[in-house]
Every structure is written in C-alpha cells, then in structure tokens.
C-alpha cells in the first residue's frame, strides 16, 4: 500500500457513511504477519486513534498527514525503505 492509498482510506473515515460509525483499519508489515497498527476515527474529537500493537501505546492525531506518516513508518520493512 502506498501513501496516497492510505491517505484516501483515512480521509474516507471523516465523511458519511463512515463518519457515523466506528470503523477500524488494521495493518501488518506483511500479509503473513501479525498486525502492528490499528486506526480508527473518534467521532467526537475528530482525531485518528492509532494503536501501536507492538509497542502497546496509542497516539491521537487530528492531522491525516501525520497519521499516514506514523502508520507508514510502523508498517514499513527495512527492505522497503
């Protein structure tokens, strides 16, 4: 997945019908690996909640660009950098 595809996915969470429900995207480094990051949009705060599954922490970001950068960084493998 490239940065533009991810940005489009996250922006879709901000508009109807997705903005009125809780959708969560989960990402792995590879198809065959466990998920490393999940993200959903908080309807009240309009912030992306990004759960870093490997590190056991959650980041909240209102800016889609920052959210995309964080997710790309976490799911990129060293070979693809």
PDB file of N, CA and C in Angstrom:
ATOM      1  N   UNK A   1       0.853  -1.176   0.000  1.00  0.00           N
ATOM      2  CA  UNK A   1       0.000   0.000   0.000  1.00  0.00           C
ATOM      3  C   UNK A   1       0.893   1.232   0.000  1.00  0.00           C
ATOM      4  N   UNK A   2       0.517   2.190  -0.818  1.00  0.00           N
ATOM      5  CA  UNK A   2       1.324   3.404  -0.852  1.00  0.00           C
ATOM      6  C   UNK A   2       0.680   4.515  -0.020  1.00  0.00           C
ATOM      7  N   UNK A   3       1.403   5.597   0.099  1.00  0.00           N
ATOM      8  CA  UNK A   3       0.981   6.707   0.955  1.00  0.00           C
ATOM      9  C   UNK A   3      -0.340   7.319   0.485  1.00  0.00           C
ATOM     10  N   UNK A   4      -0.531   7.452  -0.823  1.00  0.00           N
ATOM     11  CA  UNK A   4      -1.773   8.035  -1.343  1.00  0.00           C
ATOM     12  C   UNK A   4      -2.990   7.162  -1.057  1.00  0.00           C
ATOM     13  N   UNK A   5      -2.828   5.843  -1.176  1.00  0.00           N
ATOM     14  CA  UNK A   5      -3.932   4.923  -0.868  1.00  0.00           C
ATOM     15  C   UNK A   5      -4.316   5.022   0.605  1.00  0.00           C
ATOM     16  N   UNK A   6      -3.315   5.048   1.464  1.00  0.00           N
ATOM     17  CA  UNK A   6      -3.570   5.139   2.898  1.00  0.00           C
ATOM     18  C   UNK A   6      -4.243   6.464   3.247  1.00  0.00           C
ATOM     19  N   UNK A   7      -3.779   7.538   2.654  1.00  0.00           N
ATOM     20  CA  UNK A   7      -4.371   8.855   2.895  1.00  0.00           C
ATOM     21  C   UNK A   7      -5.845   8.859   2.487  1.00  0.00           C
ATOM     22  N   UNK A   8      -6.158   8.264   1.348  1.00  0.00           N
ATOM     23  CA  UNK A   8      -7.545   8.183   0.880  1.00  0.00           C
ATOM     24  C   UNK A   8      -8.401   7.380   1.862  1.00  0.00           C
ATOM     25  N   UNK A   9      -7.864   6.261   2.345  1.00  0.00           N
ATOM     26  CA  UNK A   9      -8.603   5.434   3.303  1.00  0.00           C
ATOM     27  C   UNK A   9      -8.929   6.214   4.571  1.00  0.00           C
ATOM     28  N   UNK A  10      -7.953   6.938   5.097  1.00  0.00           N
ATOM     29  CA  UNK A  10      -8.174   7.686   6.332  1.00  0.00           C
ATOM     30  C   UNK A  10      -9.134   8.848   6.120  1.00  0.00           C
ATOM     31  N   UNK A  11      -9.017   9.524   4.991  1.00  0.00           N
ATOM     32  CA  UNK A  11      -9.937  10.632   4.703  1.00  0.00           C
ATOM     33  C   UNK A  11     -11.375  10.136   4.574  1.00  0.00           C
ATOM     34  N   UNK A  12     -11.549   8.929   4.043  1.00  0.00           N
ATOM     35  CA  UNK A  12     -12.897   8.364   3.917  1.00  0.00           C
ATOM     36  C   UNK A  12     -13.559   8.185   5.278  1.00  0.00           C
ATOM     37  N   UNK A  13     -12.761   7.969   6.311  1.00  0.00           N
ATOM     38  CA  UNK A  13     -13.323   7.806   7.655  1.00  0.00           C
ATOM     39  C   UNK A  13     -13.968   9.090   8.169  1.00  0.00           C
ATOM     40  N   UNK A  14     -13.640  10.216   7.553  1.00  0.00           N
ATOM     41  CA  UNK A  14     -14.139  11.511   8.032  1.00  0.00           C
ATOM     42  C   UNK A  14     -15.456  11.933   7.391  1.00  0.00           C
ATOM     43  N   UNK A  15     -15.957  11.156   6.420  1.00  0.00           N
ATOM     44  CA  UNK A  15     -17.195  11.516   5.717  1.00  0.00           C
ATOM     45  C   UNK A  15     -18.231  10.401   5.854  1.00  0.00           C
ATOM     46  N   UNK A  16     -19.492  10.779   5.636  1.00  0.00           N
ATOM     47  CA  UNK A  16     -20.575   9.794   5.674  1.00  0.00           C
ATOM     48  C   UNK A  16     -20.386   8.772   4.564  1.00  0.00           C
ATOM     49  N   UNK A  17     -20.760   7.543   4.763  1.00  0.00           N
ATOM     50  CA  UNK A  17     -21.410   6.971   5.937  1.00  0.00           C
ATOM     51  C   UNK A  17     -20.427   6.529   7.021  1.00  0.00           C
ATOM     52  N   UNK A  18     -19.121   6.579   6.717  1.00  0.00           N
ATOM     53  CA  UNK A  18     -18.115   6.065   7.647  1.00  0.00           C
ATOM     54  C   UNK A  18     -17.989   6.886   8.920  1.00  0.00           C
ATOM     55  N   UNK A  19     -18.211   8.191   8.828  1.00  0.00           N
ATOM     56  CA  UNK A  19     -18.022   9.053   9.998  1.00  0.00           C
ATOM     57  C   UNK A  19     -19.077   8.826  11.076  1.00  0.00           C
ATOM     58  N   UNK A  20     -20.168   8.174  10.728  1.00  0.00           N
ATOM     59  CA  UNK A  20     -21.226   7.951  11.718  1.00  0.00           C
ATOM     60  C   UNK A  20     -21.121   6.580  12.383  1.00  0.00           C
ATOM     61  N   UNK A  21     -20.083   5.825  12.056  1.00  0.00           N
ATOM     62  CA  UNK A  21     -19.889   4.526  12.704  1.00  0.00           C
ATOM     63  C   UNK A  21     -18.415   4.391  13.087  1.00  0.00           C
ATOM     64  N   UNK A  22     -18.107   3.350  13.813  1.00  0.00           N
ATOM     65  CA  UNK A  22     -16.712   3.133  14.206  1.00  0.00           C
ATOM     66  C   UNK A  22     -16.117   2.040  13.324  1.00  0.00           C
ATOM     67  N   UNK A  23     -15.252   2.457  12.424  1.00  0.00           N
ATOM     68  CA  UNK A  23     -14.520   1.529  11.563  1.00  0.00           C
ATOM     69  C   UNK A  23     -13.069   1.532  11.997  1.00  0.00           C
ATOM     70  N   UNK A  24     -12.489   0.361  12.032  1.00  0.00           N
ATOM     71  CA  UNK A  24     -11.087   0.240  12.402  1.00  0.00           C
ATOM     72  C   UNK A  24     -10.329  -0.445  11.277  1.00  0.00           C
ATOM     73  N   UNK A  25      -9.238   0.157  10.864  1.00  0.00           N
ATOM     74  CA  UNK A  25      -8.331  -0.469   9.907  1.00  0.00           C
ATOM     75  C   UNK A  25      -7.161  -1.045  10.688  1.00  0.00           C
ATOM     76  N   UNK A  26      -6.714  -2.224  10.276  1.00  0.00           N
ATOM     77  CA  UNK A  26      -5.587  -2.876  10.920  1.00  0.00           C
ATOM     78  C   UNK A  26      -4.532  -3.170   9.862  1.00  0.00           C
ATOM     79  N   UNK A  27      -3.284  -2.906  10.201  1.00  0.00           N
ATOM     80  CA  UNK A  27      -2.195  -3.046   9.239  1.00  0.00           C
ATOM     81  C   UNK A  27      -1.094  -3.942   9.791  1.00  0.00           C
ATOM     82  N   UNK A  28      -0.499  -4.729   8.888  1.00  0.00           N
ATOM     83  CA  UNK A  28       0.640  -5.577   9.211  1.00  0.00           C
ATOM     84  C   UNK A  28       1.785  -5.215   8.277  1.00  0.00           C
ATOM     85  N   UNK A  29       2.976  -5.654   8.637  1.00  0.00           N
ATOM     86  CA  UNK A  29       4.128  -5.387   7.773  1.00  0.00           C
ATOM     87  C   UNK A  29       4.079  -6.251   6.519  1.00  0.00           C
ATOM     88  N   UNK A  30       3.506  -7.412   6.651  1.00  0.00           N
ATOM     89  CA  UNK A  30       3.387  -8.373   5.561  1.00  0.00           C
ATOM     90  C   UNK A  30       2.056  -9.086   5.686  1.00  0.00           C
ATOM     91  N   UNK A  31       1.566  -9.645   4.599  1.00  0.00           N
ATOM     92  CA  UNK A  31       0.293 -10.377   4.644  1.00  0.00           C
ATOM     93  C   UNK A  31       0.312 -11.502   5.668  1.00  0.00           C
ATOM     94  N   UNK A  32       1.454 -12.152   5.800  1.00  0.00           N
ATOM     95  CA  UNK A  32       1.564 -13.332   6.656  1.00  0.00           C
ATOM     96  C   UNK A  32       1.944 -13.017   8.098  1.00  0.00           C
ATOM     97  N   UNK A  33       2.054 -11.745   8.435  1.00  0.00           N
ATOM     98  CA  UNK A  33       2.477 -11.376   9.781  1.00  0.00           C
ATOM     99  C   UNK A  33       1.318 -10.850  10.608  1.00  0.00           C
ATOM    100  N   UNK A  34       1.553 -10.794  11.916  1.00  0.00           N
ATOM    101  CA  UNK A  34       0.548 -10.250  12.828  1.00  0.00           C
ATOM    102  C   UNK A  34       0.418  -8.747  12.623  1.00  0.00           C
ATOM    103  N   UNK A  35      -0.770  -8.206  12.917  1.00  0.00           N
ATOM    104  CA  UNK A  35      -0.966  -6.756  12.807  1.00  0.00           C
ATOM    105  C   UNK A  35      -0.026  -5.995  13.742  1.00  0.00           C
ATOM    106  N   UNK A  36       0.420  -4.823  13.281  1.00  0.00           N
ATOM    107  CA  UNK A  36       1.284  -3.981  14.112  1.00  0.00           C
ATOM    108  C   UNK A  36       0.614  -2.666  14.488  1.00  0.00           C
ATOM    109  N   UNK A  37      -0.373  -2.227  13.682  1.00  0.00           N
ATOM    110  CA  UNK A  37      -1.025  -0.940  13.904  1.00  0.00           C
ATOM    111  C   UNK A  37      -2.502  -1.053  13.552  1.00  0.00           C
ATOM    112  N   UNK A  38      -3.350  -0.419  14.371  1.00  0.00           N
ATOM    113  CA  UNK A  38      -4.762  -0.268  14.004  1.00  0.00           C
ATOM    114  C   UNK A  38      -5.129   1.203  14.174  1.00  0.00           C
ATOM    115  N   UNK A  39      -6.127   1.648  13.400  1.00  0.00           N
ATOM    116  CA  UNK A  39      -6.517   3.060  13.444  1.00  0.00           C
ATOM    117  C   UNK A  39      -8.025   3.192  13.281  1.00  0.00           C
ATOM    118  N   UNK A  40      -8.600   4.113  14.052  1.00  0.00           N
ATOM    119  CA  UNK A  40     -10.000   4.487  13.866  1.00  0.00           C
ATOM    120  C   UNK A  40     -10.131   5.978  14.127  1.00  0.00           C
ATOM    121  N   UNK A  41     -11.237   6.566  13.651  1.00  0.00           N
ATOM    122  CA  UNK A  41     -11.501   7.985  13.844  1.00  0.00           C
ATOM    123  C   UNK A  41     -12.500   8.155  14.972  1.00  0.00           C
ATOM    124  N   UNK A  42     -12.122   8.922  15.986  1.00  0.00           N
ATOM    125  CA  UNK A  42     -13.026   9.240  17.090  1.00  0.00           C
ATOM    126  C   UNK A  42     -14.033  10.272  16.591  1.00  0.00           C
ATOM    127  N   UNK A  43     -15.311   9.919  16.631  1.00  0.00           N
ATOM    128  CA  UNK A  43     -16.355  10.801  16.094  1.00  0.00           C
ATOM    129  C   UNK A  43     -16.446  12.119  16.849  1.00  0.00           C
ATOM    130  N   UNK A  44     -16.215  12.103  18.139  1.00  0.00           N
ATOM    131  CA  UNK A  44     -16.355  13.324  18.946  1.00  0.00           C
ATOM    132  C   UNK A  44     -15.178  14.279  18.777  1.00  0.00           C
ATOM    133  N   UNK A  45     -13.980  13.756  18.847  1.00  0.00           N
ATOM    134  CA  UNK A  45     -12.793  14.618  18.778  1.00  0.00           C
ATOM    135  C   UNK A  45     -12.273  14.808  17.358  1.00  0.00           C
ATOM    136  N   UNK A  46     -12.751  13.986  16.433  1.00  0.00           N
ATOM    137  CA  UNK A  46     -12.289  14.008  15.030  1.00  0.00           C
ATOM    138  C   UNK A  46     -10.789  13.733  14.933  1.00  0.00           C
ATOM    139  N   UNK A  47     -10.282  12.946  15.872  1.00  0.00           N
ATOM    140  CA  UNK A  47      -8.866  12.581  15.875  1.00  0.00           C
ATOM    141  C   UNK A  47      -8.720  11.109  15.514  1.00  0.00           C
ATOM    142  N   UNK A  48      -7.649  10.801  14.805  1.00  0.00           N
ATOM    143  CA  UNK A  48      -7.337   9.416  14.494  1.00  0.00           C
ATOM    144  C   UNK A  48      -6.656   8.807  15.711  1.00  0.00           C
ATOM    145  N   UNK A  49      -7.170   7.697  16.178  1.00  0.00           N
ATOM    146  CA  UNK A  49      -6.558   6.960  17.280  1.00  0.00           C
ATOM    147  C   UNK A  49      -5.773   5.814  16.656  1.00  0.00           C
ATOM    148  N   UNK A  50      -4.478   5.880  16.798  1.00  0.00           N
ATOM    149  CA  UNK A  50      -3.599   4.885  16.201  1.00  0.00           C
ATOM    150  C   UNK A  50      -3.008   4.050  17.322  1.00  0.00           C
ATOM    151  N   UNK A  51      -3.392   2.782  17.343  1.00  0.00           N
ATOM    152  CA  UNK A  51      -2.876   1.878  18.365  1.00  0.00           C
ATOM    153  C   UNK A  51      -1.673   1.142  17.788  1.00  0.00           C
ATOM    154  N   UNK A  52      -0.533   1.344  18.414  1.00  0.00           N
ATOM    155  CA  UNK A  52       0.680   0.632  18.037  1.00  0.00           C
ATOM    156  C   UNK A  52       0.676  -0.669  18.831  1.00  0.00           C
ATOM    157  N   UNK A  53       0.261  -1.731  18.185  1.00  0.00           N
ATOM    158  CA  UNK A  53       0.062  -3.017  18.860  1.00  0.00           C
ATOM    159  C   UNK A  53       1.380  -3.565  19.390  1.00  0.00           C
ATOM    160  N   UNK A  54       2.444  -3.447  18.614  1.00  0.00           N
ATOM    161  CA  UNK A  54       3.750  -3.965  19.032  1.00  0.00           C
ATOM    162  C   UNK A  54       4.297  -3.227  20.246  1.00  0.00           C
ATOM    163  N   UNK A  55       4.129  -1.916  20.286  1.00  0.00           N
ATOM    164  CA  UNK A  55       4.698  -1.121  21.373  1.00  0.00           C
ATOM    165  C   UNK A  55       3.722  -0.893  22.516  1.00  0.00           C
ATOM    166  N   UNK A  56       2.454  -1.286  22.326  1.00  0.00           N
ATOM    167  CA  UNK A  56       1.460  -1.165  23.386  1.00  0.00           C
ATOM    168  C   UNK A  56       1.108   0.261  23.753  1.00  0.00           C
ATOM    169  N   UNK A  57       1.046   1.141  22.752  1.00  0.00           N
ATOM    170  CA  UNK A  57       0.688   2.527  23.039  1.00  0.00           C
ATOM    171  C   UNK A  57      -0.264   3.054  21.972  1.00  0.00           C
ATOM    172  N   UNK A  58      -0.959   4.140  22.314  1.00  0.00           N
ATOM    173  CA  UNK A  58      -1.905   4.754  21.394  1.00  0.00           C
ATOM    174  C   UNK A  58      -1.538   6.212  21.178  1.00  0.00           C
ATOM    175  N   UNK A  59      -1.556   6.622  19.922  1.00  0.00           N
ATOM    176  CA  UNK A  59      -1.319   8.012  19.536  1.00  0.00           C
ATOM    177  C   UNK A  59      -2.628   8.584  19.012  1.00  0.00           C
ATOM    178  N   UNK A  60      -2.909   9.840  19.317  1.00  0.00           N
ATOM    179  CA  UNK A  60      -4.084  10.532  18.782  1.00  0.00           C
ATOM    180  C   UNK A  60      -3.592  11.670  17.900  1.00  0.00           C
ATOM    181  N   UNK A  61      -4.071  11.675  16.659  1.00  0.00           N
ATOM    182  CA  UNK A  61      -3.626  12.687  15.700  1.00  0.00           C
ATOM    183  C   UNK A  61      -4.818  13.234  14.939  1.00  0.00           C
ATOM    184  N   UNK A  62      -4.931  14.551  14.886  1.00  0.00           N
ATOM    185  CA  UNK A  62      -6.022  15.175  14.133  1.00  0.00           C
ATOM    186  C   UNK A  62      -5.654  15.375  12.670  1.00  0.00           C
ATOM    187  N   UNK A  63      -4.390  15.409  12.379  1.00  0.00           N
ATOM    188  CA  UNK A  63      -3.921  15.666  11.024  1.00  0.00           C
ATOM    189  C   UNK A  63      -3.720  14.354  10.269  1.00  0.00           C
ATOM    190  N   UNK A  64      -4.375  14.220   9.122  1.00  0.00           N
ATOM    191  CA  UNK A  64      -4.287  12.986   8.346  1.00  0.00           C
ATOM    192  C   UNK A  64      -2.859  12.732   7.863  1.00  0.00           C
ATOM    193  N   UNK A  65      -2.125  13.780   7.534  1.00  0.00           N
ATOM    194  CA  UNK A  65      -0.746  13.620   7.054  1.00  0.00           C
ATOM    195  C   UNK A  65       0.144  12.987   8.130  1.00  0.00           C
ATOM    196  N   UNK A  66       0.017  13.454   9.363  1.00  0.00           N
ATOM    197  CA  UNK A  66       0.801  12.879  10.462  1.00  0.00           C
ATOM    198  C   UNK A  66       0.406  11.436  10.721  1.00  0.00           C
ATOM    199  N   UNK A  67      -0.884  11.155  10.645  1.00  0.00           N
ATOM    200  CA  UNK A  67      -1.361   9.787  10.852  1.00  0.00           C
ATOM    201  C   UNK A  67      -0.800   8.858   9.783  1.00  0.00           C
ATOM    202  N   UNK A  68      -0.838   9.293   8.543  1.00  0.00           N
ATOM    203  CA  UNK A  68      -0.302   8.492   7.437  1.00  0.00           C
ATOM    204  C   UNK A  68       1.190   8.241   7.641  1.00  0.00           C
ATOM    205  N   UNK A  69       1.936   9.266   7.972  1.00  0.00           N
ATOM    206  CA  UNK A  69       3.382   9.122   8.186  1.00  0.00           C
ATOM    207  C   UNK A  69       3.687   8.125   9.295  1.00  0.00           C
ATOM    208  N   UNK A  70       2.946   8.217  10.386  1.00  0.00           N
ATOM    209  CA  UNK A  70       3.169   7.309  11.513  1.00  0.00           C
ATOM    210  C   UNK A  70       2.899   5.865  11.098  1.00  0.00           C
ATOM    211  N   UNK A  71       1.773   5.638  10.424  1.00  0.00           N
ATOM    212  CA  UNK A  71       1.408   4.275  10.016  1.00  0.00           C
ATOM    213  C   UNK A  71       2.426   3.719   9.025  1.00  0.00           C
ATOM    214  N   UNK A  72       2.791   4.509   8.035  1.00  0.00           N
ATOM    215  CA  UNK A  72       3.776   4.067   7.037  1.00  0.00           C
ATOM    216  C   UNK A  72       5.087   3.692   7.720  1.00  0.00           C
ATOM    217  N   UNK A  73       5.521   4.508   8.661  1.00  0.00           N
ATOM    218  CA  UNK A  73       6.773   4.235   9.384  1.00  0.00           C
ATOM    219  C   UNK A  73       6.698   2.908  10.137  1.00  0.00           C
ATOM    220  N   UNK A  74       5.566   2.630  10.747  1.00  0.00           N
ATOM    221  CA  UNK A  74       5.428   1.414  11.561  1.00  0.00           C
ATOM    222  C   UNK A  74       5.267   0.149  10.720  1.00  0.00           C
ATOM    223  N   UNK A  75       4.660   0.253   9.550  1.00  0.00           N
ATOM    224  CA  UNK A  75       4.440  -0.962   8.759  1.00  0.00           C
ATOM    225  C   UNK A  75       5.512  -1.188   7.698  1.00  0.00           C
ATOM    226  N   UNK A  76       6.389  -0.211   7.495  1.00  0.00           N
ATOM    227  CA  UNK A  76       7.457  -0.377   6.507  1.00  0.00           C
ATOM    228  C   UNK A  76       8.485  -1.358   7.027  1.00  0.00           C
ATOM    229  N   UNK A  77       8.947  -2.203   6.126  1.00  0.00           N
ATOM    230  CA  UNK A  77      10.043  -3.099   6.474  1.00  0.00           C
ATOM    231  C   UNK A  77      11.337  -2.432   6.048  1.00  0.00           C
ATOM    232  N   UNK A  78      12.425  -2.840   6.629  1.00  0.00           N
ATOM    233  CA  UNK A  78      13.711  -2.228   6.292  1.00  0.00           C
ATOM    234  C   UNK A  78      14.020  -2.384   4.810  1.00  0.00           C
ATOM    235  N   UNK A  79      13.573  -3.483   4.206  1.00  0.00           N
ATOM    236  CA  UNK A  79      13.841  -3.721   2.797  1.00  0.00           C
ATOM    237  C   UNK A  79      13.123  -2.712   1.914  1.00  0.00           C
ATOM    238  N   UNK A  80      11.965  -2.185   2.380  1.00  0.00           N
ATOM    239  CA  UNK A  80      11.191  -1.285   1.533  1.00  0.00           C
ATOM    240  C   UNK A  80      11.525   0.183   1.766  1.00  0.00           C
ATOM    241  N   UNK A  81      12.416   0.469   2.698  1.00  0.00           N
ATOM    242  CA  UNK A  81      12.774   1.865   2.993  1.00  0.00           C
ATOM    243  C   UNK A  81      13.853   2.327   2.037  1.00  0.00           C
TER     244      UNK A  81
END
